[in-house]
Amino acid sequence: MTKMKTYWMIEFNRIFNSINFLQALQTALNEYNTDAICSLAFPKLFSNGSGDPTKKARIKDVTEAIYFKHLMKSVAKSLKTDDYYYPWAQHPRFKFWAYDRLRRHSSLEQCKVYLKHNIHDANLTIKDLKELINNGQSDTLMKKMSTYASNFTGSDAY
């Protein structure tokens, strides 16, 4: 091995070992219990956790929908080219992740409303639901549930 090659290998190892790389977690995160999950999923967009819409502790109470809408319209200036760009809207996955998160959370809220209004359906077990499906009686349950799905754009009830 040449001296130059050895020097570069030593220099590479020195730099590599001085960088604190994030370690991958062995267990999956629960998005309902994990605070500031957005900065964990998109560290480049939310450096140091600042501006994370999923952070629970905020000075003002702002819904995630409004926060995501604001981020999509936010502009940043590139330090390299002095051009303006939309980092959150132009990210290949963030806009889809945000839309999916909003849809899933709003559907859970609608489920809670349905179960509050239909207490007898809240006590159904999986076995009871399977019996309803096998006996052909699931249509009445589905009709009741579809009225609550009318709040979702793109759903059949909408």
C-alpha atoms as a PDB file:
ATOM      1  CA  MET A   1       0.000   0.000   0.000  1.00  0.00           C
ATOM      2  CA  THR A   2       1.296   3.424  -0.858  1.00  0.00           C
ATOM      3  CA  LYS A   3       1.805   6.180   1.685  1.00  0.00           C
ATOM      4  CA  MET A   4      -0.824   8.362   0.012  1.00  0.00           C
ATOM      5  CA  LYS A   5      -3.440   5.616   0.094  1.00  0.00           C
ATOM      6  CA  THR A   6      -2.702   4.881   3.751  1.00  0.00           C
ATOM      7  CA  TYR A   7      -2.931   8.587   4.586  1.00  0.00           C
ATOM      8  CA  TRP A   8      -6.367   8.891   2.950  1.00  0.00           C
ATOM      9  CA  MET A   9      -7.658   5.775   4.693  1.00  0.00           C
ATOM     10  CA  ILE A  10      -6.553   7.139   8.076  1.00  0.00           C
ATOM     11  CA  GLU A  11      -8.055  10.546   7.269  1.00  0.00           C
ATOM     12  CA  PHE A  12     -11.341   8.937   6.147  1.00  0.00           C
ATOM     13  CA  ASN A  13     -11.571   6.875   9.355  1.00  0.00           C
ATOM     14  CA  ARG A  14     -10.845   9.948  11.472  1.00  0.00           C
ATOM     15  CA  ILE A  15     -13.613  11.959   9.801  1.00  0.00           C
ATOM     16  CA  PHE A  16     -16.041   9.033   9.757  1.00  0.00           C
ATOM     17  CA  ASN A  17     -15.560   8.362  13.475  1.00  0.00           C
ATOM     18  CA  SER A  18     -15.928  12.048  14.401  1.00  0.00           C
ATOM     19  CA  ILE A  19     -19.427  12.277  12.837  1.00  0.00           C
ATOM     20  CA  ASN A  20     -22.288  11.319  15.146  1.00  0.00           C
ATOM     21  CA  PHE A  21     -24.488   9.234  12.865  1.00  0.00           C
ATOM     22  CA  LEU A  22     -28.021   8.484  14.020  1.00  0.00           C
ATOM     23  CA  GLN A  23     -28.583   4.884  14.998  1.00  0.00           C
ATOM     24  CA  ALA A  24     -31.590   3.070  13.574  1.00  0.00           C
ATOM     25  CA  LEU A  25     -34.157   2.025  16.139  1.00  0.00           C
ATOM     26  CA  GLN A  26     -34.853  -1.668  16.553  1.00  0.00           C
ATOM     27  CA  THR A  27     -38.506  -1.093  17.451  1.00  0.00           C
ATOM     28  CA  ALA A  28     -41.125   0.742  15.428  1.00  0.00           C
ATOM     29  CA  LEU A  29     -42.360   4.115  16.633  1.00  0.00           C
ATOM     30  CA  ASN A  30     -46.005   4.639  17.492  1.00  0.00           C
ATOM     31  CA  GLU A  31     -47.115   7.853  15.819  1.00  0.00           C
ATOM     32  CA  TYR A  32     -49.876   8.395  18.376  1.00  0.00           C
ATOM     33  CA  ASN A  33     -47.523   8.270  21.375  1.00  0.00           C
ATOM     34  CA  THR A  34     -44.302   9.691  19.902  1.00  0.00           C
ATOM     35  CA  ASP A  35     -43.899  13.432  20.227  1.00  0.00           C
ATOM     36  CA  ALA A  36     -42.352  15.325  17.273  1.00  0.00           C
ATOM     37  CA  ILE A  37     -42.392  12.303  14.961  1.00  0.00           C
ATOM     38  CA  CYS A  38     -42.186  14.553  11.922  1.00  0.00           C
ATOM     39  CA  SER A  39     -38.664  15.679  12.793  1.00  0.00           C
ATOM     40  CA  LEU A  40     -37.674  12.029  13.252  1.00  0.00           C
ATOM     41  CA  ALA A  41     -39.105  11.022   9.884  1.00  0.00           C
ATOM     42  CA  PHE A  42     -37.813  14.093   8.002  1.00  0.00           C
ATOM     43  CA  PRO A  43     -34.652  15.345   9.763  1.00  0.00           C
ATOM     44  CA  LYS A  44     -33.548  17.369   6.737  1.00  0.00           C
ATOM     45  CA  LEU A  45     -36.771  19.398   6.705  1.00  0.00           C
ATOM     46  CA  PHE A  46     -36.978  19.857  10.487  1.00  0.00           C
ATOM     47  CA  SER A  47     -33.429  20.309  11.671  1.00  0.00           C
ATOM     48  CA  ASN A  48     -33.119  20.258  15.456  1.00  0.00           C
ATOM     49  CA  GLY A  49     -36.863  19.560  15.701  1.00  0.00           C
ATOM     50  CA  SER A  50     -37.769  23.185  15.041  1.00  0.00           C
ATOM     51  CA  GLY A  51     -41.054  23.827  13.263  1.00  0.00           C
ATOM     52  CA  ASP A  52     -42.353  20.280  13.731  1.00  0.00           C
ATOM     53  CA  PRO A  53     -46.166  20.258  13.316  1.00  0.00           C
ATOM     54  CA  THR A  54     -46.497  17.051  15.352  1.00  0.00           C
ATOM     55  CA  LYS A  55     -44.825  18.542  18.418  1.00  0.00           C
ATOM     56  CA  LYS A  56     -47.360  18.525  21.229  1.00  0.00           C
ATOM     57  CA  ALA A  57     -45.958  21.422  23.286  1.00  0.00           C
ATOM     58  CA  ARG A  58     -46.721  24.642  21.433  1.00  0.00           C
ATOM     59  CA  ILE A  59     -47.325  28.197  22.520  1.00  0.00           C
ATOM     60  CA  LYS A  60     -50.437  28.520  20.330  1.00  0.00           C
ATOM     61  CA  ASP A  61     -52.905  25.742  19.614  1.00  0.00           C
ATOM     62  CA  VAL A  62     -52.793  25.147  15.852  1.00  0.00           C
ATOM     63  CA  THR A  63     -54.313  22.132  14.109  1.00  0.00           C
ATOM     64  CA  GLU A  64     -52.017  19.905  12.097  1.00  0.00           C
ATOM     65  CA  ALA A  65     -54.081  20.562   8.961  1.00  0.00           C
ATOM     66  CA  ILE A  66     -53.433  24.301   9.161  1.00  0.00           C
ATOM     67  CA  TYR A  67     -49.780  23.718  10.041  1.00  0.00           C
ATOM     68  CA  PHE A  68     -49.250  21.387   7.057  1.00  0.00           C
ATOM     69  CA  LYS A  69     -51.017  23.865   4.771  1.00  0.00           C
ATOM     70  CA  HIS A  70     -48.704  26.609   6.022  1.00  0.00           C
ATOM     71  CA  LEU A  71     -45.619  24.449   5.449  1.00  0.00           C
ATOM     72  CA  MET A  72     -46.647  23.680   1.863  1.00  0.00           C
ATOM     73  CA  LYS A  73     -46.751  27.404   1.131  1.00  0.00           C
ATOM     74  CA  SER A  74     -43.534  28.252   2.993  1.00  0.00           C
ATOM     75  CA  VAL A  75     -40.594  29.434   0.925  1.00  0.00           C
ATOM     76  CA  ALA A  76     -36.900  29.068   1.674  1.00  0.00           C
ATOM     77  CA  LYS A  77     -33.855  30.607   0.037  1.00  0.00           C
ATOM     78  CA  SER A  78     -31.119  28.345  -1.220  1.00  0.00           C
ATOM     79  CA  LEU A  79     -27.733  29.209   0.228  1.00  0.00           C
ATOM     80  CA  LYS A  80     -25.925  27.848  -2.832  1.00  0.00           C
ATOM     81  CA  THR A  81     -27.856  29.489  -5.670  1.00  0.00           C
ATOM     82  CA  ASP A  82     -29.810  32.332  -3.964  1.00  0.00           C
ATOM     83  CA  ASP A  83     -32.975  30.932  -5.566  1.00  0.00           C
ATOM     84  CA  TYR A  84     -36.245  30.542  -3.701  1.00  0.00           C
ATOM     85  CA  TYR A  85     -37.835  27.104  -3.377  1.00  0.00           C
ATOM     86  CA  TYR A  86     -40.596  25.269  -1.473  1.00  0.00           C
ATOM     87  CA  PRO A  87     -38.788  22.614   0.595  1.00  0.00           C
ATOM     88  CA  TRP A  88     -41.869  20.886   2.041  1.00  0.00           C
ATOM     89  CA  ALA A  89     -43.933  20.946  -1.137  1.00  0.00           C
ATOM     90  CA  GLN A  90     -41.001  19.841  -3.285  1.00  0.00           C
ATOM     91  CA  HIS A  91     -39.963  16.987  -0.992  1.00  0.00           C
ATOM     92  CA  PRO A  92     -40.697  13.665  -2.742  1.00  0.00           C
ATOM     93  CA  ARG A  93     -42.498  12.081   0.246  1.00  0.00           C
ATOM     94  CA  PHE A  94     -43.460  14.724   2.811  1.00  0.00           C
ATOM     95  CA  LYS A  95     -46.641  15.954   1.137  1.00  0.00           C
ATOM     96  CA  PHE A  96     -47.963  12.400   0.789  1.00  0.00           C
ATOM     97  CA  TRP A  97     -47.029  11.530   4.370  1.00  0.00           C
ATOM     98  CA  ALA A  98     -48.793  14.640   5.682  1.00  0.00           C
ATOM     99  CA  TYR A  99     -51.940  13.952   3.621  1.00  0.00           C
ATOM    100  CA  ASP A 100     -52.027  10.324   4.736  1.00  0.00           C
ATOM    101  CA  ARG A 101     -51.557  11.296   8.384  1.00  0.00           C
ATOM    102  CA  LEU A 102     -54.397  13.819   8.243  1.00  0.00           C
ATOM    103  CA  ARG A 103     -56.724  11.287   6.597  1.00  0.00           C
ATOM    104  CA  ARG A 104     -55.987   8.543   9.113  1.00  0.00           C
ATOM    105  CA  HIS A 105     -56.370  10.809  12.120  1.00  0.00           C
ATOM    106  CA  SER A 106     -59.637  12.312  10.859  1.00  0.00           C
ATOM    107  CA  SER A 107     -61.046   8.834  10.186  1.00  0.00           C
ATOM    108  CA  LEU A 108     -60.224   7.829  13.764  1.00  0.00           C
ATOM    109  CA  GLU A 109     -62.016  10.922  15.047  1.00  0.00           C
ATOM    110  CA  GLN A 110     -65.091  10.003  12.971  1.00  0.00           C
ATOM    111  CA  CYS A 111     -64.967   6.470  14.398  1.00  0.00           C
ATOM    112  CA  LYS A 112     -65.053   7.939  17.903  1.00  0.00           C
ATOM    113  CA  VAL A 113     -68.117  10.022  16.986  1.00  0.00           C
ATOM    114  CA  TYR A 114     -69.844   6.979  15.488  1.00  0.00           C
ATOM    115  CA  LEU A 115     -69.179   4.871  18.568  1.00  0.00           C
ATOM    116  CA  LYS A 116     -70.467   7.612  20.885  1.00  0.00           C
ATOM    117  CA  HIS A 117     -73.727   7.796  18.938  1.00  0.00           C
ATOM    118  CA  ASN A 118     -74.083   4.000  18.552  1.00  0.00           C
ATOM    119  CA  ILE A 119     -73.133   2.545  21.904  1.00  0.00           C
ATOM    120  CA  HIS A 120     -74.487  -0.934  21.116  1.00  0.00           C
ATOM    121  CA  ASP A 121     -72.098  -1.190  18.127  1.00  0.00           C
ATOM    122  CA  ALA A 122     -69.167  -0.186  20.333  1.00  0.00           C
ATOM    123  CA  ASN A 123     -69.581  -3.412  22.310  1.00  0.00           C
ATOM    124  CA  LEU A 124     -69.400  -5.714  19.282  1.00  0.00           C
ATOM    125  CA  THR A 125     -66.527  -8.181  19.391  1.00  0.00           C
ATOM    126  CA  ILE A 126     -64.654  -9.528  16.391  1.00  0.00           C
ATOM    127  CA  LYS A 127     -66.663 -12.729  16.729  1.00  0.00           C
ATOM    128  CA  ASP A 128     -69.923 -10.720  16.596  1.00  0.00           C
ATOM    129  CA  LEU A 129     -68.742  -8.857  13.506  1.00  0.00           C
ATOM    130  CA  LYS A 130     -67.831 -12.119  11.764  1.00  0.00           C
ATOM    131  CA  GLU A 131     -71.299 -13.498  12.560  1.00  0.00           C
ATOM    132  CA  LEU A 132     -72.925 -10.389  11.075  1.00  0.00           C
ATOM    133  CA  ILE A 133     -70.924 -10.814   7.881  1.00  0.00           C
ATOM    134  CA  ASN A 134     -71.592 -14.564   7.604  1.00  0.00           C
ATOM    135  CA  ASN A 135     -75.350 -14.128   8.234  1.00  0.00           C
ATOM    136  CA  GLY A 136     -75.649 -11.334   5.653  1.00  0.00           C
ATOM    137  CA  GLN A 137     -76.676  -8.752   8.248  1.00  0.00           C
ATOM    138  CA  SER A 138     -73.698  -6.480   7.789  1.00  0.00           C
ATOM    139  CA  ASP A 139     -75.566  -4.195   5.347  1.00  0.00           C
ATOM    140  CA  THR A 140     -77.404  -2.324   8.112  1.00  0.00           C
ATOM    141  CA  LEU A 141     -74.168  -1.754  10.003  1.00  0.00           C
ATOM    142  CA  MET A 142     -72.438  -0.543   6.853  1.00  0.00           C
ATOM    143  CA  LYS A 143     -75.281   1.863   6.037  1.00  0.00           C
ATOM    144  CA  LYS A 144     -75.064   3.408   9.494  1.00  0.00           C
ATOM    145  CA  MET A 145     -71.305   3.718   9.243  1.00  0.00           C
ATOM    146  CA  SER A 146     -71.364   5.230   5.752  1.00  0.00           C
ATOM    147  CA  THR A 147     -73.233   8.310   6.986  1.00  0.00           C
ATOM    148  CA  TYR A 148     -70.234   9.077   9.202  1.00  0.00           C
ATOM    149  CA  ALA A 149     -67.857   8.530   6.283  1.00  0.00           C
ATOM    150  CA  SER A 150     -69.555  11.351   4.375  1.00  0.00           C
ATOM    151  CA  ASN A 151     -67.063  13.783   5.898  1.00  0.00           C
ATOM    152  CA  PHE A 152     -64.182  12.178   3.987  1.00  0.00           C
ATOM    153  CA  THR A 153     -63.564  13.560   0.525  1.00  0.00           C
ATOM    154  CA  GLY A 154     -63.125  10.737  -1.943  1.00  0.00           C
ATOM    155  CA  SER A 155     -65.193   8.235   0.046  1.00  0.00           C
ATOM    156  CA  ASP A 156     -68.340   6.575  -1.350  1.00  0.00           C
ATOM    157  CA  ALA A 157     -70.577   8.424   1.064  1.00  0.00           C
ATOM    158  CA  TYR A 158     -69.096  11.787   0.037  1.00  0.00           C
END
